Amino acid sequence: MINHRLALPLVALLAVSCSAQKKEARLGPTPGVFRVQFETSKGDFVVEVKRELAPHGADSFYELVARRFYDGCRFFRVLRGFVVQWGINGDPAVQRQWVSAMIPDDPVKATNKPGAITYAKSGPNTRTTQVFINLVDNARLDKSGFAPFGEVVSGMEVLERFYSDYGEGRPRGNGPAQDMIQKQGNEYLEREFPRLDYIKRATLLK
């Protein structure tokens, strides 16, 4: 899909819904600017988030990283000349806890330029846990409501090294099927798509 899939010329990045785990401990307020380091199977990259760009998106991303949601996630959709996408948890039990927590839309204040990080969505107010990083200038997505909330500030070359030969996800292509990731998690991906790169750990930087 982000088709939970970006389709054709004006492809719609579709996101699989994910539900907010009701927190045992409340997090503090989201900083106005914060950085996240992603340690991956191909090296590290760092994203800087600016809350003023998309407050709802930034708040959710901050919580997801703090709750370790992205640790172990596979980059299940890597399309050269387009995007790198991830955000379905590798443990189906964890994924189910986030399956219906949709984030209100933010107005688009920045463009989907190379390195910009943005939530996948399938319509109004459908953003959840899936995000993508633009590998090229995808400004055409701006008018469809895809609101960037930050950008890669170091390690962009790491994303360019992620394994991409599986291509677009099923049924449009031969890559991973998002419904199967939801049901079977990393067990499915390791069995059927063993060369996918992945996040070892996502960490809020001090």
N, C-alpha and C. Protein backbone atom coordinates (compact mmCIF):
# COMPACT_ATOMS: atom_id res chain seq x y z
N MET A 1 0.84 -1.15 0.00
CA MET A 1 0.00 0.00 0.00
C MET A 1 0.89 1.23 0.00
N ILE A 2 1.19 3.16 0.35
CA ILE A 2 2.28 3.24 1.14
C ILE A 2 2.00 2.33 1.36
N ASN A 3 0.58 1.80 0.04
CA ASN A 3 -0.67 1.11 -0.14
C ASN A 3 -0.98 0.13 0.85
N HIS A 4 -1.12 1.12 1.19
CA HIS A 4 -0.25 1.04 2.25
C HIS A 4 1.00 1.08 1.63
N ARG A 5 0.78 2.22 -0.09
CA ARG A 5 1.63 2.27 -1.30
C ARG A 5 1.49 3.54 -2.08
N LEU A 6 2.58 4.17 -2.46
CA LEU A 6 2.47 5.30 -3.36
C LEU A 6 2.22 4.72 -4.73
N ALA A 7 1.16 5.05 -5.36
CA ALA A 7 0.86 4.46 -6.65
C ALA A 7 1.31 5.38 -7.75
N LEU A 8 1.06 5.22 -8.91
CA LEU A 8 1.34 5.90 -10.16
C LEU A 8 1.80 7.34 -10.03
N PRO A 9 1.74 8.15 -11.09
CA PRO A 9 2.27 9.51 -11.04
C PRO A 9 1.86 10.29 -9.81
N LEU A 10 0.56 10.37 -9.53
CA LEU A 10 0.17 11.05 -8.29
C LEU A 10 -0.20 9.99 -7.28
N VAL A 11 0.77 9.23 -6.94
CA VAL A 11 0.61 8.10 -6.05
C VAL A 11 0.20 8.53 -4.68
N ALA A 12 -0.69 7.78 -4.09
CA ALA A 12 -1.09 8.08 -2.73
C ALA A 12 -0.35 7.18 -1.79
N LEU A 13 0.45 7.77 -0.90
CA LEU A 13 1.19 6.98 0.08
C LEU A 13 0.17 6.46 1.07
N LEU A 14 0.02 5.16 1.10
CA LEU A 14 -1.00 4.61 1.98
C LEU A 14 -0.38 4.06 3.23
N ALA A 15 -0.99 4.33 4.30
CA ALA A 15 -0.43 3.82 5.56
C ALA A 15 -1.36 2.84 6.20
N VAL A 16 -0.78 1.82 6.76
CA VAL A 16 -1.59 0.89 7.54
C VAL A 16 -1.85 1.55 8.89
N SER A 17 -3.09 1.53 9.33
CA SER A 17 -3.42 2.13 10.61
C SER A 17 -2.68 1.48 11.77
N CYS A 18 -2.35 2.27 12.76
CA CYS A 18 -1.67 1.75 13.96
C CYS A 18 -2.24 2.43 15.23
N SER A 19 -2.51 1.79 16.49
CA SER A 19 -3.26 2.38 17.63
C SER A 19 -2.46 2.78 18.85
N ALA A 20 -2.76 3.91 19.42
CA ALA A 20 -1.87 4.37 20.46
C ALA A 20 -1.95 3.51 21.68
N GLN A 21 -0.83 3.00 21.99
CA GLN A 21 -0.68 2.20 23.18
C GLN A 21 -0.92 3.16 24.33
N LYS A 22 -1.84 2.86 25.20
CA LYS A 22 -2.07 3.77 26.30
C LYS A 22 -0.93 3.61 27.27
N LYS A 23 -0.30 4.72 27.51
CA LYS A 23 0.99 4.75 28.21
C LYS A 23 0.84 4.52 29.70
N GLU A 24 1.80 3.74 30.20
CA GLU A 24 1.82 3.59 31.66
C GLU A 24 2.40 4.86 32.26
N ALA A 25 3.42 5.41 31.62
CA ALA A 25 4.04 6.63 32.13
C ALA A 25 3.90 7.71 31.07
N ARG A 26 3.52 8.88 31.47
CA ARG A 26 3.36 9.98 30.52
C ARG A 26 4.73 10.54 30.16
N LEU A 27 4.84 10.90 28.89
CA LEU A 27 6.07 11.57 28.45
C LEU A 27 5.94 13.05 28.73
N GLY A 28 7.07 13.73 28.82
CA GLY A 28 7.04 15.18 28.94
C GLY A 28 6.63 15.80 27.62
N PRO A 29 6.53 17.13 27.57
CA PRO A 29 6.16 17.81 26.33
C PRO A 29 7.21 17.58 25.24
N THR A 30 6.75 17.55 24.01
CA THR A 30 7.66 17.38 22.88
C THR A 30 8.52 18.63 22.72
N PRO A 31 9.84 18.48 22.62
CA PRO A 31 10.70 19.66 22.38
C PRO A 31 10.35 20.32 21.05
N GLY A 32 10.64 21.59 20.96
CA GLY A 32 10.39 22.30 19.71
C GLY A 32 11.23 21.76 18.57
N VAL A 33 12.46 21.38 18.91
CA VAL A 33 13.37 20.76 17.94
C VAL A 33 14.03 19.58 18.64
N PHE A 34 14.08 18.44 17.99
CA PHE A 34 14.79 17.30 18.55
C PHE A 34 15.36 16.44 17.43
N ARG A 35 16.35 15.65 17.79
CA ARG A 35 17.00 14.77 16.81
C ARG A 35 16.87 13.32 17.23
N VAL A 36 16.78 12.46 16.22
CA VAL A 36 16.69 11.02 16.44
C VAL A 36 17.77 10.33 15.62
N GLN A 37 18.54 9.50 16.29
CA GLN A 37 19.55 8.70 15.59
C GLN A 37 18.99 7.31 15.31
N PHE A 38 19.07 6.91 14.06
CA PHE A 38 18.65 5.57 13.64
C PHE A 38 19.90 4.75 13.37
N GLU A 39 20.10 3.73 14.19
CA GLU A 39 21.19 2.78 13.95
C GLU A 39 20.60 1.66 13.09
N THR A 40 21.16 1.46 11.90
CA THR A 40 20.57 0.51 10.97
C THR A 40 21.60 -0.54 10.54
N SER A 41 21.12 -1.49 9.78
CA SER A 41 21.97 -2.56 9.27
C SER A 41 22.99 -2.06 8.25
N LYS A 42 22.85 -0.83 7.77
CA LYS A 42 23.81 -0.27 6.82
C LYS A 42 24.55 0.95 7.36
N GLY A 43 24.35 1.26 8.63
CA GLY A 43 24.99 2.45 9.21
C GLY A 43 23.94 3.35 9.85
N ASP A 44 24.39 4.50 10.34
CA ASP A 44 23.52 5.40 11.08
C ASP A 44 23.10 6.61 10.25
N PHE A 45 21.88 7.08 10.51
CA PHE A 45 21.47 8.38 10.00
C PHE A 45 20.71 9.12 11.10
N VAL A 46 20.67 10.44 10.99
CA VAL A 46 20.05 11.28 12.01
C VAL A 46 18.99 12.16 11.36
N VAL A 47 17.82 12.19 12.00
CA VAL A 47 16.71 13.03 11.56
C VAL A 47 16.51 14.15 12.57
N GLU A 48 16.35 15.36 12.08
CA GLU A 48 15.99 16.50 12.94
C GLU A 48 14.53 16.85 12.71
N VAL A 49 13.77 16.88 13.80
CA VAL A 49 12.35 17.18 13.74
C VAL A 49 12.11 18.59 14.27
N LYS A 50 11.28 19.35 13.55
CA LYS A 50 10.89 20.69 13.99
C LYS A 50 9.38 20.68 14.22
N ARG A 51 8.99 20.80 15.45
CA ARG A 51 7.58 20.68 15.80
C ARG A 51 6.72 21.71 15.10
N GLU A 52 7.25 22.90 14.84
CA GLU A 52 6.47 23.95 14.20
C GLU A 52 6.00 23.55 12.80
N LEU A 53 6.70 22.62 12.17
CA LEU A 53 6.32 22.20 10.82
C LEU A 53 5.04 21.38 10.83
N ALA A 54 4.88 20.52 11.83
CA ALA A 54 3.72 19.61 11.88
C ALA A 54 3.58 19.12 13.32
N PRO A 55 2.93 19.90 14.18
CA PRO A 55 2.89 19.57 15.61
C PRO A 55 2.33 18.19 15.93
N HIS A 56 1.23 17.80 15.31
CA HIS A 56 0.65 16.49 15.60
C HIS A 56 1.60 15.37 15.19
N GLY A 57 2.19 15.51 14.01
CA GLY A 57 3.13 14.51 13.54
C GLY A 57 4.36 14.42 14.41
N ALA A 58 4.90 15.57 14.78
CA ALA A 58 6.11 15.60 15.62
C ALA A 58 5.85 14.97 16.98
N ASP A 59 4.69 15.29 17.58
CA ASP A 59 4.36 14.73 18.89
C ASP A 59 4.28 13.21 18.84
N SER A 60 3.63 12.69 17.82
CA SER A 60 3.49 11.24 17.70
C SER A 60 4.84 10.57 17.45
N PHE A 61 5.65 11.16 16.59
CA PHE A 61 6.96 10.59 16.27
C PHE A 61 7.84 10.55 17.52
N TYR A 62 7.81 11.62 18.29
CA TYR A 62 8.57 11.69 19.54
C TYR A 62 8.17 10.55 20.47
N GLU A 63 6.87 10.33 20.60
CA GLU A 63 6.39 9.27 21.47
C GLU A 63 6.79 7.89 20.93
N LEU A 64 6.63 7.68 19.63
CA LEU A 64 6.96 6.38 19.04
C LEU A 64 8.43 6.04 19.26
N VAL A 65 9.29 7.01 19.08
CA VAL A 65 10.73 6.76 19.31
C VAL A 65 10.98 6.50 20.79
N ALA A 66 10.40 7.33 21.65
CA ALA A 66 10.60 7.16 23.09
C ALA A 66 10.10 5.81 23.58
N ARG A 67 9.02 5.30 22.98
CA ARG A 67 8.46 4.00 23.37
C ARG A 67 9.16 2.83 22.67
N ARG A 68 10.21 3.11 21.88
CA ARG A 68 11.00 2.10 21.18
C ARG A 68 10.20 1.36 20.11
N PHE A 69 9.17 1.98 19.60
CA PHE A 69 8.32 1.33 18.61
C PHE A 69 9.08 0.94 17.35
N TYR A 70 10.02 1.80 16.92
CA TYR A 70 10.69 1.56 15.65
C TYR A 70 11.87 0.58 15.74
N ASP A 71 12.28 0.23 16.93
CA ASP A 71 13.39 -0.71 17.07
C ASP A 71 13.04 -2.05 16.41
N GLY A 72 13.89 -2.51 15.53
CA GLY A 72 13.66 -3.78 14.84
C GLY A 72 12.81 -3.69 13.59
N CYS A 73 12.25 -2.52 13.30
CA CYS A 73 11.41 -2.37 12.11
C CYS A 73 12.24 -2.52 10.83
N ARG A 74 11.65 -3.16 9.84
CA ARG A 74 12.28 -3.31 8.52
C ARG A 74 11.91 -2.14 7.61
N PHE A 75 12.84 -1.79 6.73
CA PHE A 75 12.56 -0.83 5.67
C PHE A 75 11.91 -1.63 4.55
N PHE A 76 10.59 -1.81 4.65
CA PHE A 76 9.90 -2.76 3.79
C PHE A 76 9.57 -2.22 2.41
N ARG A 77 9.76 -0.94 2.20
CA ARG A 77 9.46 -0.34 0.90
C ARG A 77 10.56 0.64 0.53
N VAL A 78 11.48 0.19 -0.27
CA VAL A 78 12.61 1.01 -0.70
C VAL A 78 12.53 1.10 -2.22
N LEU A 79 12.17 2.29 -2.70
CA LEU A 79 12.01 2.51 -4.14
C LEU A 79 13.00 3.57 -4.59
N ARG A 80 14.00 3.16 -5.34
CA ARG A 80 15.00 4.10 -5.85
C ARG A 80 14.31 5.21 -6.64
N GLY A 81 14.76 6.43 -6.44
CA GLY A 81 14.13 7.55 -7.13
C GLY A 81 12.79 7.95 -6.55
N PHE A 82 12.51 7.47 -5.34
CA PHE A 82 11.23 7.84 -4.73
C PHE A 82 11.35 7.96 -3.21
N VAL A 83 11.15 6.84 -2.46
CA VAL A 83 11.11 6.92 -1.00
C VAL A 83 11.69 5.67 -0.36
N VAL A 84 12.00 5.82 0.94
CA VAL A 84 12.26 4.70 1.85
C VAL A 84 11.16 4.76 2.90
N GLN A 85 10.45 3.65 3.11
CA GLN A 85 9.31 3.64 4.03
C GLN A 85 9.45 2.53 5.07
N TRP A 86 8.99 2.85 6.28
CA TRP A 86 8.96 1.86 7.37
C TRP A 86 7.90 2.28 8.39
N GLY A 87 7.72 1.45 9.44
CA GLY A 87 6.82 1.84 10.51
C GLY A 87 5.76 0.82 10.87
N ILE A 88 5.93 -0.46 10.45
CA ILE A 88 5.07 -1.53 10.95
C ILE A 88 5.93 -2.34 11.91
N ASN A 89 5.50 -2.43 13.15
CA ASN A 89 6.31 -3.10 14.15
C ASN A 89 6.48 -4.58 13.83
N GLY A 90 7.67 -5.12 14.13
CA GLY A 90 7.97 -6.51 13.82
C GLY A 90 7.27 -7.52 14.69
N ASP A 91 6.67 -7.08 15.78
CA ASP A 91 5.92 -7.96 16.68
C ASP A 91 4.43 -7.68 16.47
N PRO A 92 3.67 -8.63 15.90
CA PRO A 92 2.25 -8.38 15.64
C PRO A 92 1.47 -7.97 16.89
N ALA A 93 1.85 -8.46 18.05
CA ALA A 93 1.15 -8.09 19.28
C ALA A 93 1.33 -6.61 19.59
N VAL A 94 2.54 -6.10 19.37
CA VAL A 94 2.79 -4.66 19.57
C VAL A 94 2.05 -3.87 18.51
N GLN A 95 2.13 -4.33 17.28
CA GLN A 95 1.47 -3.62 16.18
C GLN A 95 -0.03 -3.46 16.43
N ARG A 96 -0.65 -4.51 16.96
CA ARG A 96 -2.09 -4.45 17.23
C ARG A 96 -2.44 -3.35 18.24
N GLN A 97 -1.51 -3.06 19.14
CA GLN A 97 -1.78 -2.03 20.15
C GLN A 97 -1.85 -0.63 19.54
N TRP A 98 -1.29 -0.49 18.33
CA TRP A 98 -1.25 0.83 17.69
C TRP A 98 -2.14 0.90 16.45
N VAL A 99 -3.01 -0.08 16.27
CA VAL A 99 -3.67 -0.21 14.97
C VAL A 99 -4.77 0.79 14.67
N SER A 100 -5.19 1.59 15.60
CA SER A 100 -6.26 2.54 15.29
C SER A 100 -6.03 3.94 15.85
N ALA A 101 -4.81 4.27 16.22
CA ALA A 101 -4.55 5.61 16.76
C ALA A 101 -4.14 6.53 15.63
N MET A 102 -5.11 7.18 15.04
CA MET A 102 -4.82 8.05 13.90
C MET A 102 -4.53 9.47 14.36
N ILE A 103 -3.60 10.09 13.68
CA ILE A 103 -3.12 11.43 14.03
C ILE A 103 -3.88 12.46 13.19
N PRO A 104 -4.39 13.51 13.79
CA PRO A 104 -5.02 14.56 12.99
C PRO A 104 -4.04 15.13 11.97
N ASP A 105 -4.54 15.51 10.82
CA ASP A 105 -3.68 16.09 9.80
C ASP A 105 -3.08 17.41 10.26
N ASP A 106 -1.88 17.69 9.77
CA ASP A 106 -1.23 18.99 9.93
C ASP A 106 -1.23 19.68 8.58
N PRO A 107 -1.33 21.00 8.55
CA PRO A 107 -1.18 21.70 7.27
C PRO A 107 0.24 21.51 6.74
N VAL A 108 0.37 21.50 5.44
CA VAL A 108 1.69 21.32 4.82
C VAL A 108 2.43 22.66 4.83
N LYS A 109 3.51 22.71 5.62
CA LYS A 109 4.30 23.94 5.74
C LYS A 109 5.68 23.81 5.11
N ALA A 110 6.08 22.58 4.79
CA ALA A 110 7.38 22.34 4.17
C ALA A 110 7.16 21.43 2.98
N THR A 111 8.13 21.36 2.10
CA THR A 111 7.97 20.55 0.90
C THR A 111 8.64 19.18 1.05
N ASN A 112 8.19 18.22 0.27
CA ASN A 112 8.75 16.87 0.27
C ASN A 112 10.01 16.84 -0.59
N LYS A 113 11.02 17.49 -0.10
CA LYS A 113 12.31 17.56 -0.79
C LYS A 113 13.15 16.33 -0.42
N PRO A 114 14.27 16.11 -1.10
CA PRO A 114 15.13 14.99 -0.71
C PRO A 114 15.53 15.09 0.76
N GLY A 115 15.36 14.01 1.49
CA GLY A 115 15.71 13.98 2.91
C GLY A 115 14.58 14.32 3.85
N ALA A 116 13.48 14.90 3.34
CA ALA A 116 12.35 15.23 4.22
C ALA A 116 11.66 13.96 4.70
N ILE A 117 11.27 13.95 5.98
CA ILE A 117 10.55 12.81 6.56
C ILE A 117 9.09 13.18 6.76
N THR A 118 8.20 12.27 6.37
CA THR A 118 6.77 12.55 6.28
C THR A 118 6.00 11.29 6.65
N TYR A 119 4.80 11.46 7.20
CA TYR A 119 3.95 10.29 7.47
C TYR A 119 3.27 9.82 6.20
N ALA A 120 3.13 8.48 6.08
CA ALA A 120 2.28 7.90 5.05
C ALA A 120 0.83 8.11 5.48
N LYS A 121 -0.07 8.15 4.51
CA LYS A 121 -1.48 8.33 4.82
C LYS A 121 -2.31 7.79 3.67
N SER A 122 -3.58 7.48 3.94
CA SER A 122 -4.47 6.96 2.91
C SER A 122 -5.70 7.82 2.71
N GLY A 123 -5.73 8.99 3.37
CA GLY A 123 -6.86 9.91 3.27
C GLY A 123 -6.78 10.88 4.43
N PRO A 124 -7.78 11.73 4.60
CA PRO A 124 -7.76 12.71 5.69
C PRO A 124 -7.66 12.04 7.07
N ASN A 125 -6.77 12.55 7.89
CA ASN A 125 -6.64 12.12 9.29
C ASN A 125 -6.41 10.62 9.45
N THR A 126 -5.56 10.05 8.60
CA THR A 126 -5.28 8.60 8.66
C THR A 126 -3.82 8.30 8.98
N ARG A 127 -3.03 9.29 9.36
CA ARG A 127 -1.63 9.03 9.69
C ARG A 127 -1.56 8.23 11.00
N THR A 128 -0.62 7.28 11.04
CA THR A 128 -0.47 6.48 12.25
C THR A 128 1.01 6.33 12.60
N THR A 129 1.65 5.22 12.24
CA THR A 129 3.05 5.00 12.61
C THR A 129 3.99 4.89 11.42
N GLN A 130 3.45 4.75 10.21
CA GLN A 130 4.31 4.60 9.05
C GLN A 130 4.82 5.95 8.57
N VAL A 131 6.11 5.99 8.29
CA VAL A 131 6.75 7.21 7.79
C VAL A 131 7.60 6.86 6.57
N PHE A 132 7.94 7.90 5.81
CA PHE A 132 8.85 7.69 4.69
C PHE A 132 9.80 8.88 4.60
N ILE A 133 10.95 8.62 4.04
CA ILE A 133 11.92 9.67 3.74
C ILE A 133 12.03 9.78 2.23
N ASN A 134 11.92 10.98 1.74
CA ASN A 134 12.01 11.24 0.31
C ASN A 134 13.46 11.09 -0.17
N LEU A 135 13.66 10.29 -1.19
CA LEU A 135 14.99 10.13 -1.76
C LEU A 135 15.26 11.15 -2.86
N VAL A 136 14.20 11.75 -3.39
CA VAL A 136 14.30 12.75 -4.46
C VAL A 136 13.30 13.85 -4.15
N ASP A 137 13.21 14.82 -5.03
CA ASP A 137 12.23 15.90 -4.88
C ASP A 137 10.85 15.35 -5.22
N ASN A 138 10.02 15.17 -4.20
CA ASN A 138 8.65 14.69 -4.39
C ASN A 138 7.65 15.78 -4.04
N ALA A 139 7.92 17.01 -4.49
CA ALA A 139 7.07 18.15 -4.16
C ALA A 139 5.62 17.95 -4.62
N ARG A 140 5.40 17.07 -5.58
CA ARG A 140 4.02 16.82 -6.03
C ARG A 140 3.14 16.26 -4.92
N LEU A 141 3.78 15.70 -3.88
CA LEU A 141 3.01 15.15 -2.76
C LEU A 141 2.47 16.24 -1.83
N ASP A 142 3.05 17.43 -1.92
CA ASP A 142 2.65 18.51 -1.00
C ASP A 142 1.16 18.81 -1.11
N LYS A 143 0.67 18.91 -2.35
CA LYS A 143 -0.73 19.30 -2.54
C LYS A 143 -1.71 18.20 -2.15
N SER A 144 -1.18 16.99 -1.92
CA SER A 144 -2.04 15.89 -1.46
C SER A 144 -2.05 15.76 0.06
N GLY A 145 -1.43 16.72 0.76
CA GLY A 145 -1.52 16.76 2.21
C GLY A 145 -0.45 16.00 2.97
N PHE A 146 0.62 15.60 2.28
CA PHE A 146 1.72 14.91 2.96
C PHE A 146 2.64 15.97 3.57
N ALA A 147 2.57 16.12 4.90
CA ALA A 147 3.23 17.21 5.60
C ALA A 147 4.54 16.77 6.23
N PRO A 148 5.69 17.16 5.67
CA PRO A 148 6.97 16.82 6.30
C PRO A 148 7.06 17.43 7.70
N PHE A 149 7.72 16.71 8.60
CA PHE A 149 7.89 17.22 9.97
C PHE A 149 9.36 17.30 10.36
N GLY A 150 10.25 17.02 9.44
CA GLY A 150 11.68 17.10 9.72
C GLY A 150 12.46 16.66 8.50
N GLU A 151 13.77 16.47 8.70
CA GLU A 151 14.61 16.05 7.58
C GLU A 151 15.87 15.34 8.10
N VAL A 152 16.47 14.58 7.20
CA VAL A 152 17.74 13.92 7.51
C VAL A 152 18.84 14.98 7.54
N VAL A 153 19.60 15.02 8.64
CA VAL A 153 20.68 16.00 8.74
C VAL A 153 22.06 15.35 8.64
N SER A 154 22.11 14.04 8.73
CA SER A 154 23.36 13.33 8.45
C SER A 154 23.04 11.88 8.10
N GLY A 155 23.86 11.31 7.22
CA GLY A 155 23.70 9.90 6.88
C GLY A 155 22.75 9.62 5.73
N MET A 156 22.47 10.62 4.90
CA MET A 156 21.56 10.37 3.77
C MET A 156 22.11 9.26 2.86
N GLU A 157 23.43 9.17 2.79
CA GLU A 157 24.04 8.14 1.95
C GLU A 157 23.72 6.73 2.45
N VAL A 158 23.40 6.61 3.75
CA VAL A 158 23.04 5.30 4.31
C VAL A 158 21.73 4.82 3.68
N LEU A 159 20.77 5.71 3.57
CA LEU A 159 19.48 5.33 2.99
C LEU A 159 19.64 4.88 1.54
N GLU A 160 20.58 5.48 0.85
CA GLU A 160 20.80 5.12 -0.55
C GLU A 160 21.37 3.70 -0.68
N ARG A 161 21.89 3.16 0.43
CA ARG A 161 22.46 1.81 0.37
C ARG A 161 21.47 0.71 0.76
N PHE A 162 20.28 1.09 1.21
CA PHE A 162 19.32 0.07 1.63
C PHE A 162 18.93 -0.82 0.45
N TYR A 163 18.71 -2.08 0.75
CA TYR A 163 18.36 -3.05 -0.29
C TYR A 163 17.02 -2.67 -0.92
N SER A 164 16.99 -2.61 -2.26
CA SER A 164 15.80 -2.13 -2.95
C SER A 164 15.27 -3.07 -4.02
N ASP A 165 15.91 -4.21 -4.22
CA ASP A 165 15.54 -5.05 -5.36
C ASP A 165 14.20 -5.76 -5.21
N TYR A 166 13.63 -5.78 -4.02
CA TYR A 166 12.30 -6.37 -3.89
C TYR A 166 11.23 -5.50 -4.55
N GLY A 167 11.50 -4.20 -4.66
CA GLY A 167 10.59 -3.30 -5.36
C GLY A 167 9.30 -3.01 -4.61
N GLU A 168 8.28 -2.62 -5.37
CA GLU A 168 6.99 -2.23 -4.82
C GLU A 168 6.32 -3.42 -4.14
N GLY A 169 5.55 -3.10 -3.10
CA GLY A 169 4.87 -4.15 -2.35
C GLY A 169 3.72 -4.80 -3.11
N ARG A 170 3.35 -5.97 -2.67
CA ARG A 170 2.22 -6.67 -3.27
C ARG A 170 0.90 -6.00 -2.86
N PRO A 171 -0.13 -6.03 -3.74
CA PRO A 171 -0.21 -6.77 -4.99
C PRO A 171 0.32 -6.01 -6.20
N ARG A 172 0.71 -4.74 -6.01
CA ARG A 172 1.18 -3.97 -7.16
C ARG A 172 2.52 -4.47 -7.69
N GLY A 173 3.36 -4.95 -6.78
CA GLY A 173 4.67 -5.47 -7.17
C GLY A 173 4.94 -6.79 -6.49
N ASN A 174 6.21 -7.14 -6.40
CA ASN A 174 6.60 -8.42 -5.81
C ASN A 174 7.18 -8.29 -4.40
N GLY A 175 7.15 -7.09 -3.86
CA GLY A 175 7.70 -6.86 -2.54
C GLY A 175 6.75 -7.29 -1.42
N PRO A 176 7.10 -6.96 -0.17
CA PRO A 176 6.29 -7.39 0.98
C PRO A 176 4.85 -6.89 0.92
N ALA A 177 3.93 -7.74 1.37
CA ALA A 177 2.52 -7.37 1.50
C ALA A 177 2.29 -6.81 2.89
N GLN A 178 1.77 -5.61 2.97
CA GLN A 178 1.64 -4.98 4.28
C GLN A 178 0.68 -5.71 5.20
N ASP A 179 -0.36 -6.34 4.65
CA ASP A 179 -1.25 -7.09 5.53
C ASP A 179 -0.55 -8.27 6.17
N MET A 180 0.38 -8.87 5.43
CA MET A 180 1.15 -9.99 5.99
C MET A 180 2.14 -9.52 7.05
N ILE A 181 2.72 -8.33 6.85
CA ILE A 181 3.62 -7.80 7.89
C ILE A 181 2.81 -7.56 9.16
N GLN A 182 1.60 -7.02 8.99
CA GLN A 182 0.75 -6.77 10.15
C GLN A 182 0.44 -8.06 10.90
N LYS A 183 0.17 -9.12 10.15
CA LYS A 183 -0.25 -10.38 10.78
C LYS A 183 0.91 -11.18 11.35
N GLN A 184 2.04 -11.22 10.62
CA GLN A 184 3.14 -12.10 11.00
C GLN A 184 4.42 -11.38 11.38
N GLY A 185 4.48 -10.08 11.17
CA GLY A 185 5.63 -9.29 11.58
C GLY A 185 6.93 -9.67 10.90
N ASN A 186 8.01 -9.56 11.66
CA ASN A 186 9.34 -9.82 11.10
C ASN A 186 9.54 -11.29 10.75
N GLU A 187 8.76 -12.18 11.34
CA GLU A 187 8.86 -13.59 10.97
C GLU A 187 8.59 -13.77 9.47
N TYR A 188 7.55 -13.10 9.00
CA TYR A 188 7.21 -13.13 7.56
C TYR A 188 8.31 -12.50 6.73
N LEU A 189 8.79 -11.33 7.15
CA LEU A 189 9.81 -10.62 6.37
C LEU A 189 11.13 -11.38 6.33
N GLU A 190 11.52 -11.95 7.45
CA GLU A 190 12.78 -12.71 7.48
C GLU A 190 12.70 -13.97 6.63
N ARG A 191 11.51 -14.54 6.56
CA ARG A 191 11.33 -15.76 5.76
C ARG A 191 11.26 -15.46 4.27
N GLU A 192 10.48 -14.44 3.89
CA GLU A 192 10.22 -14.18 2.48
C GLU A 192 11.12 -13.09 1.88
N PHE A 193 11.62 -12.17 2.71
CA PHE A 193 12.39 -11.03 2.22
C PHE A 193 13.61 -10.81 3.12
N PRO A 194 14.50 -11.80 3.17
CA PRO A 194 15.59 -11.78 4.16
C PRO A 194 16.62 -10.68 3.95
N ARG A 195 16.64 -10.06 2.79
CA ARG A 195 17.66 -9.05 2.53
C ARG A 195 17.23 -7.63 2.89
N LEU A 196 16.04 -7.47 3.40
CA LEU A 196 15.60 -6.13 3.81
C LEU A 196 16.52 -5.58 4.89
N ASP A 197 16.84 -4.30 4.78
CA ASP A 197 17.57 -3.62 5.85
C ASP A 197 16.61 -3.26 6.97
N TYR A 198 17.18 -2.93 8.13
CA TYR A 198 16.33 -2.74 9.31
C TYR A 198 16.95 -1.78 10.31
N ILE A 199 16.11 -1.32 11.22
CA ILE A 199 16.52 -0.43 12.31
C ILE A 199 16.95 -1.30 13.49
N LYS A 200 18.18 -1.11 13.93
CA LYS A 200 18.62 -1.77 15.16
C LYS A 200 18.06 -1.04 16.37
N ARG A 201 18.17 0.27 16.33
CA ARG A 201 17.69 1.07 17.45
C ARG A 201 17.48 2.51 17.00
N ALA A 202 16.39 3.13 17.46
CA ALA A 202 16.12 4.55 17.22
C ALA A 202 16.19 5.25 18.57
N THR A 203 16.99 6.30 18.67
CA THR A 203 17.29 6.93 19.95
C THR A 203 17.12 8.43 19.88
N LEU A 204 16.42 8.99 20.86
CA LEU A 204 16.36 10.45 20.99
C LEU A 204 17.70 10.97 21.48
N LEU A 205 18.28 11.89 20.74
CA LEU A 205 19.57 12.43 21.11
C LEU A 205 19.39 13.55 22.14
N LYS A 206 20.31 13.64 23.04
CA LYS A 206 20.26 14.66 24.08
C LYS A 206 20.62 16.03 23.49
